[in-house]
PDB file of N, CA and C in Angstrom:
ATOM      1  N   MET A   1     -19.668 -26.054   3.822  1.00  0.00           N
ATOM      2  CA  MET A   1     -19.967 -24.738   4.340  1.00  0.00           C
ATOM      3  C   MET A   1     -21.107 -24.146   3.499  1.00  0.00           C
ATOM      4  N   SER A   2     -22.133 -23.644   4.173  1.00  0.00           N
ATOM      5  CA  SER A   2     -23.276 -23.074   3.473  1.00  0.00           C
ATOM      6  C   SER A   2     -22.912 -21.723   2.847  1.00  0.00           C
ATOM      7  N   THR A   3     -23.772 -21.240   1.987  1.00  0.00           N
ATOM      8  CA  THR A   3     -23.553 -19.933   1.355  1.00  0.00           C
ATOM      9  C   THR A   3     -23.531 -18.825   2.404  1.00  0.00           C
ATOM     10  N   ALA A   4     -24.429 -18.905   3.373  1.00  0.00           N
ATOM     11  CA  ALA A   4     -24.469 -17.896   4.437  1.00  0.00           C
ATOM     12  C   ALA A   4     -23.179 -17.917   5.268  1.00  0.00           C
ATOM     13  N   GLU A   5     -22.687 -19.109   5.587  1.00  0.00           N
ATOM     14  CA  GLU A   5     -21.433 -19.214   6.347  1.00  0.00           C
ATOM     15  C   GLU A   5     -20.261 -18.682   5.524  1.00  0.00           C
ATOM     16  N   LYS A   6     -20.261 -18.942   4.214  1.00  0.00           N
ATOM     17  CA  LYS A   6     -19.204 -18.438   3.336  1.00  0.00           C
ATOM     18  C   LYS A   6     -19.238 -16.913   3.277  1.00  0.00           C
ATOM     19  N   THR A   7     -20.442 -16.332   3.213  1.00  0.00           N
ATOM     20  CA  THR A   7     -20.572 -14.876   3.193  1.00  0.00           C
ATOM     21  C   THR A   7     -20.057 -14.271   4.499  1.00  0.00           C
ATOM     22  N   SER A   8     -20.426 -14.873   5.629  1.00  0.00           N
ATOM     23  CA  SER A   8     -19.920 -14.388   6.927  1.00  0.00           C
ATOM     24  C   SER A   8     -18.403 -14.495   6.987  1.00  0.00           C
ATOM     25  N   LEU A   9     -17.860 -15.589   6.493  1.00  0.00           N
ATOM     26  CA  LEU A   9     -16.410 -15.765   6.462  1.00  0.00           C
ATOM     27  C   LEU A   9     -15.761 -14.693   5.591  1.00  0.00           C
ATOM     28  N   ASP A  10     -16.331 -14.403   4.427  1.00  0.00           N
ATOM     29  CA  ASP A  10     -15.777 -13.382   3.538  1.00  0.00           C
ATOM     30  C   ASP A  10     -15.783 -12.001   4.195  1.00  0.00           C
ATOM     31  N   ILE A  11     -16.848 -11.688   4.903  1.00  0.00           N
ATOM     32  CA  ILE A  11     -16.911 -10.404   5.612  1.00  0.00           C
ATOM     33  C   ILE A  11     -15.893 -10.390   6.749  1.00  0.00           C
ATOM     34  N   PHE A  12     -15.774 -11.486   7.476  1.00  0.00           N
ATOM     35  CA  PHE A  12     -14.803 -11.560   8.564  1.00  0.00           C
ATOM     36  C   PHE A  12     -13.376 -11.408   8.016  1.00  0.00           C
ATOM     37  N   LYS A  13     -13.086 -12.081   6.905  1.00  0.00           N
ATOM     38  CA  LYS A  13     -11.764 -11.933   6.276  1.00  0.00           C
ATOM     39  C   LYS A  13     -11.519 -10.491   5.858  1.00  0.00           C
ATOM     40  N   GLY A  14     -12.559  -9.831   5.357  1.00  0.00           N
ATOM     41  CA  GLY A  14     -12.432  -8.414   4.998  1.00  0.00           C
ATOM     42  C   GLY A  14     -12.065  -7.566   6.198  1.00  0.00           C
ATOM     43  N   ILE A  15     -12.709  -7.836   7.317  1.00  0.00           N
ATOM     44  CA  ILE A  15     -12.374  -7.126   8.554  1.00  0.00           C
ATOM     45  C   ILE A  15     -10.934  -7.418   8.949  1.00  0.00           C
ATOM     46  N   MET A  16     -10.532  -8.675   8.856  1.00  0.00           N
ATOM     47  CA  MET A  16      -9.166  -9.047   9.222  1.00  0.00           C
ATOM     48  C   MET A  16      -8.137  -8.408   8.293  1.00  0.00           C
ATOM     49  N   ASP A  17      -8.449  -8.326   6.996  1.00  0.00           N
ATOM     50  CA  ASP A  17      -7.511  -7.769   6.021  1.00  0.00           C
ATOM     51  C   ASP A  17      -7.441  -6.247   6.059  1.00  0.00           C
ATOM     52  N   TRP A  18      -8.575  -5.580   6.210  1.00  0.00           N
ATOM     53  CA  TRP A  18      -8.620  -4.128   6.056  1.00  0.00           C
ATOM     54  C   TRP A  18      -9.152  -3.395   7.263  1.00  0.00           C
ATOM     55  N   GLY A  19      -9.525  -4.094   8.307  1.00  0.00           N
ATOM     56  CA  GLY A  19     -10.290  -3.512   9.394  1.00  0.00           C
ATOM     57  C   GLY A  19      -9.509  -2.727  10.397  1.00  0.00           C
ATOM     58  N   PRO A  20     -10.202  -2.224  11.370  1.00  0.00           N
ATOM     59  CA  PRO A  20     -11.625  -2.340  11.588  1.00  0.00           C
ATOM     60  C   PRO A  20     -12.415  -1.651  10.468  1.00  0.00           C
ATOM     61  N   LEU A  21     -13.589  -2.191  10.174  1.00  0.00           N
ATOM     62  CA  LEU A  21     -14.399  -1.674   9.073  1.00  0.00           C
ATOM     63  C   LEU A  21     -15.778  -1.244   9.560  1.00  0.00           C
ATOM     64  N   THR A  22     -16.299  -0.211   8.917  1.00  0.00           N
ATOM     65  CA  THR A  22     -17.693   0.171   9.083  1.00  0.00           C
ATOM     66  C   THR A  22     -18.509  -0.605   8.054  1.00  0.00           C
ATOM     67  N   LEU A  23     -19.817  -0.515   8.135  1.00  0.00           N
ATOM     68  CA  LEU A  23     -20.661  -1.166   7.135  1.00  0.00           C
ATOM     69  C   LEU A  23     -20.314  -0.671   5.732  1.00  0.00           C
ATOM     70  N   TYR A  24     -20.137   0.636   5.608  1.00  0.00           N
ATOM     71  CA  TYR A  24     -19.894   1.212   4.281  1.00  0.00           C
ATOM     72  C   TYR A  24     -18.492   0.909   3.764  1.00  0.00           C
ATOM     73  N   SER A  25     -17.505   0.878   4.650  1.00  0.00           N
ATOM     74  CA  SER A  25     -16.162   0.520   4.176  1.00  0.00           C
ATOM     75  C   SER A  25     -16.102  -0.960   3.821  1.00  0.00           C
ATOM     76  N   ALA A  26     -16.864  -1.800   4.532  1.00  0.00           N
ATOM     77  CA  ALA A  26     -16.946  -3.225   4.173  1.00  0.00           C
ATOM     78  C   ALA A  26     -17.602  -3.375   2.804  1.00  0.00           C
ATOM     79  N   ASN A  27     -18.611  -2.560   2.537  1.00  0.00           N
ATOM     80  CA  ASN A  27     -19.278  -2.570   1.233  1.00  0.00           C
ATOM     81  C   ASN A  27     -18.298  -2.181   0.133  1.00  0.00           C
ATOM     82  N   ALA A  28     -17.498  -1.160   0.363  1.00  0.00           N
ATOM     83  CA  ALA A  28     -16.534  -0.711  -0.644  1.00  0.00           C
ATOM     84  C   ALA A  28     -15.442  -1.754  -0.888  1.00  0.00           C
ATOM     85  N   LYS A  29     -15.012  -2.436   0.148  1.00  0.00           N
ATOM     86  CA  LYS A  29     -13.929  -3.421   0.021  1.00  0.00           C
ATOM     87  C   LYS A  29     -14.397  -4.743  -0.563  1.00  0.00           C
ATOM     88  N   THR A  30     -15.588  -5.197  -0.174  1.00  0.00           N
ATOM     89  CA  THR A  30     -16.038  -6.523  -0.592  1.00  0.00           C
ATOM     90  C   THR A  30     -16.975  -6.501  -1.790  1.00  0.00           C
ATOM     91  N   ARG A  31     -17.548  -5.342  -2.083  1.00  0.00           N
ATOM     92  CA  ARG A  31     -18.512  -5.190  -3.191  1.00  0.00           C
ATOM     93  C   ARG A  31     -19.798  -5.991  -2.972  1.00  0.00           C
ATOM     94  N   MET A  32     -20.070  -6.362  -1.727  1.00  0.00           N
ATOM     95  CA  MET A  32     -21.337  -7.028  -1.400  1.00  0.00           C
ATOM     96  C   MET A  32     -22.389  -5.955  -1.156  1.00  0.00           C
ATOM     97  N   PRO A  33     -23.661  -6.280  -1.372  1.00  0.00           N
ATOM     98  CA  PRO A  33     -24.730  -5.319  -1.075  1.00  0.00           C
ATOM     99  C   PRO A  33     -24.726  -4.934   0.402  1.00  0.00           C
ATOM    100  N   ILE A  34     -25.016  -3.668   0.676  1.00  0.00           N
ATOM    101  CA  ILE A  34     -24.973  -3.165   2.043  1.00  0.00           C
ATOM    102  C   ILE A  34     -25.940  -3.916   2.952  1.00  0.00           C
ATOM    103  N   GLY A  35     -27.102  -4.324   2.434  1.00  0.00           N
ATOM    104  CA  GLY A  35     -28.058  -5.093   3.242  1.00  0.00           C
ATOM    105  C   GLY A  35     -27.503  -6.436   3.667  1.00  0.00           C
ATOM    106  N   THR A  36     -26.798  -7.100   2.771  1.00  0.00           N
ATOM    107  CA  THR A  36     -26.162  -8.390   3.089  1.00  0.00           C
ATOM    108  C   THR A  36     -25.098  -8.198   4.155  1.00  0.00           C
ATOM    109  N   ILE A  37     -24.291  -7.171   3.980  1.00  0.00           N
ATOM    110  CA  ILE A  37     -23.231  -6.898   4.963  1.00  0.00           C
ATOM    111  C   ILE A  37     -23.842  -6.588   6.324  1.00  0.00           C
ATOM    112  N   HIS A  38     -24.864  -5.749   6.340  1.00  0.00           N
ATOM    113  CA  HIS A  38     -25.513  -5.387   7.604  1.00  0.00           C
ATOM    114  C   HIS A  38     -26.043  -6.627   8.320  1.00  0.00           C
ATOM    115  N   ARG A  39     -26.737  -7.489   7.592  1.00  0.00           N
ATOM    116  CA  ARG A  39     -27.304  -8.707   8.181  1.00  0.00           C
ATOM    117  C   ARG A  39     -26.210  -9.611   8.756  1.00  0.00           C
ATOM    118  N   HIS A  40     -25.121  -9.784   8.017  1.00  0.00           N
ATOM    119  CA  HIS A  40     -24.055 -10.672   8.472  1.00  0.00           C
ATOM    120  C   HIS A  40     -23.230 -10.049   9.598  1.00  0.00           C
ATOM    121  N   ILE A  41     -23.030  -8.749   9.553  1.00  0.00           N
ATOM    122  CA  ILE A  41     -22.301  -8.093  10.652  1.00  0.00           C
ATOM    123  C   ILE A  41     -23.106  -8.216  11.941  1.00  0.00           C
ATOM    124  N   LYS A  42     -24.400  -8.021  11.865  1.00  0.00           N
ATOM    125  CA  LYS A  42     -25.234  -8.170  13.069  1.00  0.00           C
ATOM    126  C   LYS A  42     -25.183  -9.612  13.583  1.00  0.00           C
ATOM    127  N   LEU A  43     -25.189 -10.588  12.678  1.00  0.00           N
ATOM    128  CA  LEU A  43     -25.085 -11.999  13.084  1.00  0.00           C
ATOM    129  C   LEU A  43     -23.714 -12.286  13.695  1.00  0.00           C
ATOM    130  N   LEU A  44     -22.654 -11.793  13.065  1.00  0.00           N
ATOM    131  CA  LEU A  44     -21.299 -11.997  13.589  1.00  0.00           C
ATOM    132  C   LEU A  44     -21.139 -11.351  14.961  1.00  0.00           C
ATOM    133  N   GLU A  45     -21.743 -10.175  15.124  1.00  0.00           N
ATOM    134  CA  GLU A  45     -21.667  -9.500  16.417  1.00  0.00           C
ATOM    135  C   GLU A  45     -22.489 -10.259  17.469  1.00  0.00           C
ATOM    136  N   LYS A  46     -23.673 -10.714  17.108  1.00  0.00           N
ATOM    137  CA  LYS A  46     -24.534 -11.449  18.042  1.00  0.00           C
ATOM    138  C   LYS A  46     -23.885 -12.747  18.505  1.00  0.00           C
ATOM    139  N   THR A  47     -23.147 -13.407  17.613  1.00  0.00           N
ATOM    140  CA  THR A  47     -22.497 -14.671  17.969  1.00  0.00           C
ATOM    141  C   THR A  47     -21.121 -14.462  18.603  1.00  0.00           C
ATOM    142  N   GLY A  48     -20.717 -13.206  18.795  1.00  0.00           N
ATOM    143  CA  GLY A  48     -19.467 -12.917  19.492  1.00  0.00           C
ATOM    144  C   GLY A  48     -18.215 -13.049  18.644  1.00  0.00           C
ATOM    145  N   LYS A  49     -18.354 -13.092  17.322  1.00  0.00           N
ATOM    146  CA  LYS A  49     -17.185 -13.240  16.456  1.00  0.00           C
ATOM    147  C   LYS A  49     -16.544 -11.907  16.090  1.00  0.00           C
ATOM    148  N   ILE A  50     -17.334 -10.841  16.156  1.00  0.00           N
ATOM    149  CA  ILE A  50     -16.798  -9.491  16.001  1.00  0.00           C
ATOM    150  C   ILE A  50     -17.419  -8.631  17.088  1.00  0.00           C
ATOM    151  N   LYS A  51     -16.866  -7.450  17.272  1.00  0.00           N
ATOM    152  CA  LYS A  51     -17.443  -6.506  18.220  1.00  0.00           C
ATOM    153  C   LYS A  51     -17.251  -5.102  17.686  1.00  0.00           C
ATOM    154  N   ALA A  52     -18.048  -4.184  18.216  1.00  0.00           N
ATOM    155  CA  ALA A  52     -17.909  -2.783  17.843  1.00  0.00           C
ATOM    156  C   ALA A  52     -16.644  -2.246  18.491  1.00  0.00           C
ATOM    157  N   TYR A  53     -15.785  -1.682  17.672  1.00  0.00           N
ATOM    158  CA  TYR A  53     -14.580  -1.033  18.165  1.00  0.00           C
ATOM    159  C   TYR A  53     -14.895   0.446  18.361  1.00  0.00           C
ATOM    160  N   GLU A  54     -13.924   1.182  18.816  1.00  0.00           N
ATOM    161  CA  GLU A  54     -14.108   2.602  19.068  1.00  0.00           C
ATOM    162  C   GLU A  54     -14.693   3.284  17.838  1.00  0.00           C
ATOM    163  N   SER A  55     -15.757   4.050  18.036  1.00  0.00           N
ATOM    164  CA  SER A  55     -16.434   4.711  16.924  1.00  0.00           C
ATOM    165  C   SER A  55     -15.827   6.078  16.653  1.00  0.00           C
ATOM    166  N   LYS A  56     -15.861   6.460  15.399  1.00  0.00           N
ATOM    167  CA  LYS A  56     -15.455   7.808  14.998  1.00  0.00           C
ATOM    168  C   LYS A  56     -16.719   8.652  14.968  1.00  0.00           C
ATOM    169  N   THR A  57     -16.682   9.818  15.590  1.00  0.00           N
ATOM    170  CA  THR A  57     -17.893  10.614  15.688  1.00  0.00           C
ATOM    171  C   THR A  57     -17.811  11.921  14.917  1.00  0.00           C
ATOM    172  N   THR A  58     -16.883  12.065  14.004  1.00  0.00           N
ATOM    173  CA  THR A  58     -16.869  13.248  13.167  1.00  0.00           C
ATOM    174  C   THR A  58     -17.925  13.070  12.090  1.00  0.00           C
ATOM    175  N   GLY A  59     -18.861  14.013  12.025  1.00  0.00           N
ATOM    176  CA  GLY A  59     -19.957  13.861  11.081  1.00  0.00           C
ATOM    177  C   GLY A  59     -20.922  12.799  11.562  1.00  0.00           C
ATOM    178  N   ARG A  60     -21.316  11.927  10.661  1.00  0.00           N
ATOM    179  CA  ARG A  60     -22.191  10.813  11.019  1.00  0.00           C
ATOM    180  C   ARG A  60     -21.446   9.810  11.893  1.00  0.00           C
ATOM    181  N   LYS A  61     -22.167   9.241  12.837  1.00  0.00           N
ATOM    182  CA  LYS A  61     -21.544   8.234  13.706  1.00  0.00           C
ATOM    183  C   LYS A  61     -21.170   7.014  12.872  1.00  0.00           C
ATOM    184  N   LYS A  62     -19.931   6.601  12.965  1.00  0.00           N
ATOM    185  CA  LYS A  62     -19.438   5.455  12.211  1.00  0.00           C
ATOM    186  C   LYS A  62     -18.960   4.397  13.182  1.00  0.00           C
ATOM    187  N   ILE A  63     -19.648   3.277  13.192  1.00  0.00           N
ATOM    188  CA  ILE A  63     -19.263   2.183  14.079  1.00  0.00           C
ATOM    189  C   ILE A  63     -18.318   1.269  13.305  1.00  0.00           C
ATOM    190  N   GLN A  64     -17.140   1.071  13.870  1.00  0.00           N
ATOM    191  CA  GLN A  64     -16.171   0.171  13.255  1.00  0.00           C
ATOM    192  C   GLN A  64     -16.238  -1.177  13.959  1.00  0.00           C
ATOM    193  N   TYR A  65     -16.101  -2.246  13.176  1.00  0.00           N
ATOM    194  CA  TYR A  65     -16.152  -3.596  13.724  1.00  0.00           C
ATOM    195  C   TYR A  65     -14.799  -4.272  13.555  1.00  0.00           C
ATOM    196  N   GLY A  66     -14.405  -4.983  14.597  1.00  0.00           N
ATOM    197  CA  GLY A  66     -13.161  -5.725  14.576  1.00  0.00           C
ATOM    198  C   GLY A  66     -13.371  -7.119  15.143  1.00  0.00           C
ATOM    199  N   PRO A  67     -12.361  -7.959  15.033  1.00  0.00           N
ATOM    200  CA  PRO A  67     -12.507  -9.356  15.447  1.00  0.00           C
ATOM    201  C   PRO A  67     -12.433  -9.542  16.958  1.00  0.00           C
ATOM    202  N   THR A  68     -12.982 -10.652  17.383  1.00  0.00           N
ATOM    203  CA  THR A  68     -12.774 -11.116  18.754  1.00  0.00           C
ATOM    204  C   THR A  68     -11.906 -12.370  18.669  1.00  0.00           C
ATOM    205  N   ILE A  69     -11.343 -12.756  19.785  1.00  0.00           N
ATOM    206  CA  ILE A  69     -10.556 -13.987  19.831  1.00  0.00           C
ATOM    207  C   ILE A  69     -11.431 -15.174  19.442  1.00  0.00           C
ATOM    208  N   TYR A  70     -12.658 -15.186  19.943  1.00  0.00           N
ATOM    209  CA  TYR A  70     -13.584 -16.271  19.604  1.00  0.00           C
ATOM    210  C   TYR A  70     -13.811 -16.341  18.094  1.00  0.00           C
ATOM    211  N   GLY A  71     -13.982 -15.185  17.451  1.00  0.00           N
ATOM    212  CA  GLY A  71     -14.189 -15.163  16.001  1.00  0.00           C
ATOM    213  C   GLY A  71     -12.998 -15.716  15.240  1.00  0.00           C
ATOM    214  N   ILE A  72     -11.806 -15.321  15.659  1.00  0.00           N
ATOM    215  CA  ILE A  72     -10.591 -15.814  14.994  1.00  0.00           C
ATOM    216  C   ILE A  72     -10.485 -17.328  15.138  1.00  0.00           C
ATOM    217  N   LEU A  73     -10.683 -17.816  16.339  1.00  0.00           N
ATOM    218  CA  LEU A  73     -10.586 -19.266  16.562  1.00  0.00           C
ATOM    219  C   LEU A  73     -11.690 -20.029  15.838  1.00  0.00           C
ATOM    220  N   SER A  74     -12.869 -19.455  15.797  1.00  0.00           N
ATOM    221  CA  SER A  74     -13.987 -20.100  15.115  1.00  0.00           C
ATOM    222  C   SER A  74     -13.709 -20.258  13.619  1.00  0.00           C
ATOM    223  N   PHE A  75     -13.251 -19.194  12.970  1.00  0.00           N
ATOM    224  CA  PHE A  75     -12.976 -19.273  11.535  1.00  0.00           C
ATOM    225  C   PHE A  75     -11.684 -20.037  11.246  1.00  0.00           C
ATOM    226  N   TYR A  76     -10.786 -20.064  12.204  1.00  0.00           N
ATOM    227  CA  TYR A  76      -9.575 -20.887  12.071  1.00  0.00           C
ATOM    228  C   TYR A  76      -9.965 -22.349  11.874  1.00  0.00           C
ATOM    229  N   ASN A  77     -10.958 -22.785  12.631  1.00  0.00           N
ATOM    230  CA  ASN A  77     -11.408 -24.175  12.544  1.00  0.00           C
ATOM    231  C   ASN A  77     -12.244 -24.459  11.299  1.00  0.00           C
ATOM    232  N   GLN A  78     -12.825 -23.437  10.689  1.00  0.00           N
ATOM    233  CA  GLN A  78     -13.725 -23.637   9.558  1.00  0.00           C
ATOM    234  C   GLN A  78     -13.055 -23.519   8.197  1.00  0.00           C
ATOM    235  N   ASP A  79     -11.941 -22.797   8.106  1.00  0.00           N
ATOM    236  CA  ASP A  79     -11.379 -22.482   6.795  1.00  0.00           C
ATOM    237  C   ASP A  79      -9.859 -22.661   6.802  1.00  0.00           C
ATOM    238  N   LYS A  80      -9.364 -23.569   5.979  1.00  0.00           N
ATOM    239  CA  LYS A  80      -7.924 -23.858   5.947  1.00  0.00           C
ATOM    240  C   LYS A  80      -7.105 -22.679   5.447  1.00  0.00           C
ATOM    241  N   LYS A  81      -7.625 -21.945   4.465  1.00  0.00           N
ATOM    242  CA  LYS A  81      -6.900 -20.780   3.947  1.00  0.00           C
ATOM    243  C   LYS A  81      -6.773 -19.705   5.032  1.00  0.00           C
ATOM    244  N   PHE A  82      -7.849 -19.492   5.786  1.00  0.00           N
ATOM    245  CA  PHE A  82      -7.802 -18.554   6.903  1.00  0.00           C
ATOM    246  C   PHE A  82      -6.792 -19.027   7.942  1.00  0.00           C
ATOM    247  N   ALA A  83      -6.793 -20.316   8.230  1.00  0.00           N
ATOM    248  CA  ALA A  83      -5.880 -20.883   9.223  1.00  0.00           C
ATOM    249  C   ALA A  83      -4.422 -20.658   8.828  1.00  0.00           C
ATOM    250  N   LYS A  84      -4.114 -20.751   7.535  1.00  0.00           N
ATOM    251  CA  LYS A  84      -2.738 -20.547   7.080  1.00  0.00           C
ATOM    252  C   LYS A  84      -2.287 -19.098   7.258  1.00  0.00           C
ATOM    253  N   SER A  85      -3.236 -18.167   7.301  1.00  0.00           N
ATOM    254  CA  SER A  85      -2.916 -16.741   7.428  1.00  0.00           C
ATOM    255  C   SER A  85      -2.977 -16.246   8.866  1.00  0.00           C
ATOM    256  N   ILE A  86      -3.243 -17.129   9.813  1.00  0.00           N
ATOM    257  CA  ILE A  86      -3.498 -16.709  11.189  1.00  0.00           C
ATOM    258  C   ILE A  86      -2.329 -15.928  11.800  1.00  0.00           C
ATOM    259  N   GLN A  87      -1.106 -16.333  11.527  1.00  0.00           N
ATOM    260  CA  GLN A  87       0.038 -15.619  12.091  1.00  0.00           C
ATOM    261  C   GLN A  87       0.125 -14.205  11.538  1.00  0.00           C
ATOM    262  N   ASN A  88      -0.081 -14.063  10.243  1.00  0.00           N
ATOM    263  CA  ASN A  88      -0.051 -12.720   9.642  1.00  0.00           C
ATOM    264  C   ASN A  88      -1.160 -11.843  10.208  1.00  0.00           C
ATOM    265  N   TYR A  89      -2.356 -12.419  10.356  1.00  0.00           N
ATOM    266  CA  TYR A  89      -3.459 -11.656  10.934  1.00  0.00           C
ATOM    267  C   TYR A  89      -3.144 -11.224  12.352  1.00  0.00           C
ATOM    268  N   PHE A  90      -2.595 -12.136  13.140  1.00  0.00           N
ATOM    269  CA  PHE A  90      -2.279 -11.802  14.522  1.00  0.00           C
ATOM    270  C   PHE A  90      -1.252 -10.666  14.581  1.00  0.00           C
ATOM    271  N   LEU A  91      -0.213 -10.752  13.758  1.00  0.00           N
ATOM    272  CA  LEU A  91       0.813  -9.702  13.756  1.00  0.00           C
ATOM    273  C   LEU A  91       0.246  -8.362  13.317  1.00  0.00           C
ATOM    274  N   LEU A  92      -0.692  -8.387  12.406  1.00  0.00           N
ATOM    275  CA  LEU A  92      -1.338  -7.162  11.955  1.00  0.00           C
ATOM    276  C   LEU A  92      -2.219  -6.566  13.048  1.00  0.00           C
ATOM    277  N   TRP A  93      -3.001  -7.406  13.699  1.00  0.00           N
ATOM    278  CA  TRP A  93      -3.972  -6.911  14.669  1.00  0.00           C
ATOM    279  C   TRP A  93      -3.391  -6.619  16.042  1.00  0.00           C
ATOM    280  N   ILE A  94      -2.257  -7.177  16.383  1.00  0.00           N
ATOM    281  CA  ILE A  94      -1.682  -6.931  17.708  1.00  0.00           C
ATOM    282  C   ILE A  94      -1.333  -5.443  17.899  1.00  0.00           C
ATOM    283  N   GLU A  95      -1.185  -4.724  16.787  1.00  0.00           N
ATOM    284  CA  GLU A  95      -0.908  -3.286  16.854  1.00  0.00           C
ATOM    285  C   GLU A  95      -2.157  -2.472  17.195  1.00  0.00           C
ATOM    286  N   ASN A  96      -3.333  -3.057  17.094  1.00  0.00           N
ATOM    287  CA  ASN A  96      -4.584  -2.357  17.340  1.00  0.00           C
ATOM    288  C   ASN A  96      -4.905  -2.366  18.835  1.00  0.00           C
ATOM    289  N   LYS A  97      -5.127  -1.180  19.399  1.00  0.00           N
ATOM    290  CA  LYS A  97      -5.386  -1.040  20.833  1.00  0.00           C
ATOM    291  C   LYS A  97      -6.617  -1.821  21.279  1.00  0.00           C
ATOM    292  N   GLU A  98      -7.685  -1.752  20.505  1.00  0.00           N
ATOM    293  CA  GLU A  98      -8.917  -2.460  20.866  1.00  0.00           C
ATOM    294  C   GLU A  98      -8.704  -3.974  20.880  1.00  0.00           C
ATOM    295  N   PHE A  99      -7.932  -4.474  19.935  1.00  0.00           N
ATOM    296  CA  PHE A  99      -7.660  -5.909  19.882  1.00  0.00           C
ATOM    297  C   PHE A  99      -6.803  -6.332  21.077  1.00  0.00           C
ATOM    298  N   ARG A 100      -5.809  -5.528  21.419  1.00  0.00           N
ATOM    299  CA  ARG A 100      -4.995  -5.834  22.606  1.00  0.00           C
ATOM    300  C   ARG A 100      -5.861  -5.856  23.859  1.00  0.00           C
ATOM    301  N   ASN A 101      -6.816  -4.926  23.950  1.00  0.00           N
ATOM    302  CA  ASN A 101      -7.747  -4.931  25.086  1.00  0.00           C
ATOM    303  C   ASN A 101      -8.559  -6.213  25.113  1.00  0.00           C
ATOM    304  N   GLU A 102      -8.984  -6.678  23.932  1.00  0.00           N
ATOM    305  CA  GLU A 102      -9.721  -7.938  23.828  1.00  0.00           C
ATOM    306  C   GLU A 102      -8.866  -9.097  24.331  1.00  0.00           C
ATOM    307  N   LEU A 103      -7.594  -9.122  23.945  1.00  0.00           N
ATOM    308  CA  LEU A 103      -6.678 -10.171  24.402  1.00  0.00           C
ATOM    309  C   LEU A 103      -6.536 -10.159  25.926  1.00  0.00           C
ATOM    310  N   GLU A 104      -6.325  -8.961  26.478  1.00  0.00           N
ATOM    311  CA  GLU A 104      -6.181  -8.839  27.934  1.00  0.00           C
ATOM    312  C   GLU A 104      -7.447  -9.286  28.654  1.00  0.00           C
ATOM    313  N   LYS A 105      -8.607  -8.900  28.106  1.00  0.00           N
ATOM    314  CA  LYS A 105      -9.887  -9.289  28.712  1.00  0.00           C
ATOM    315  C   LYS A 105     -10.038 -10.806  28.754  1.00  0.00           C
ATOM    316  N   GLU A 106      -9.500 -11.477  27.755  1.00  0.00           N
ATOM    317  CA  GLU A 106      -9.592 -12.941  27.672  1.00  0.00           C
ATOM    318  C   GLU A 106      -8.440 -13.645  28.388  1.00  0.00           C
ATOM    319  N   GLY A 107      -7.543 -12.878  29.012  1.00  0.00           N
ATOM    320  CA  GLY A 107      -6.477 -13.478  29.818  1.00  0.00           C
ATOM    321  C   GLY A 107      -5.197 -13.785  29.085  1.00  0.00           C
ATOM    322  N   PHE A 108      -4.989 -13.193  27.923  1.00  0.00           N
ATOM    323  CA  PHE A 108      -3.742 -13.405  27.178  1.00  0.00           C
ATOM    324  C   PHE A 108      -2.718 -12.360  27.518  1.00  0.00           C
TER     325      PHE A 108
END
């Protein structure tokens, strides 16, 4: 796994553990530079592994990002530690309305 793929995986795991996350909350949780997070979030979103969840509009617009089914399955195949946590992640995220909508959209 390349360094870039590892960074994307770390950001995705952060979203799975603490998300949905904004760019700034991902920065606070992962301690990665905001530019790195921004670049990888845009890549993860472009490849369909995460998507923008409902935004909070109090004050500055804050876009929160959460996982897609494709993203979960993709990282499941790439990382054994992530794969071992898949049940816990699913149980955590099934409570999220946006994630349930994603499941329904995909036919689950």
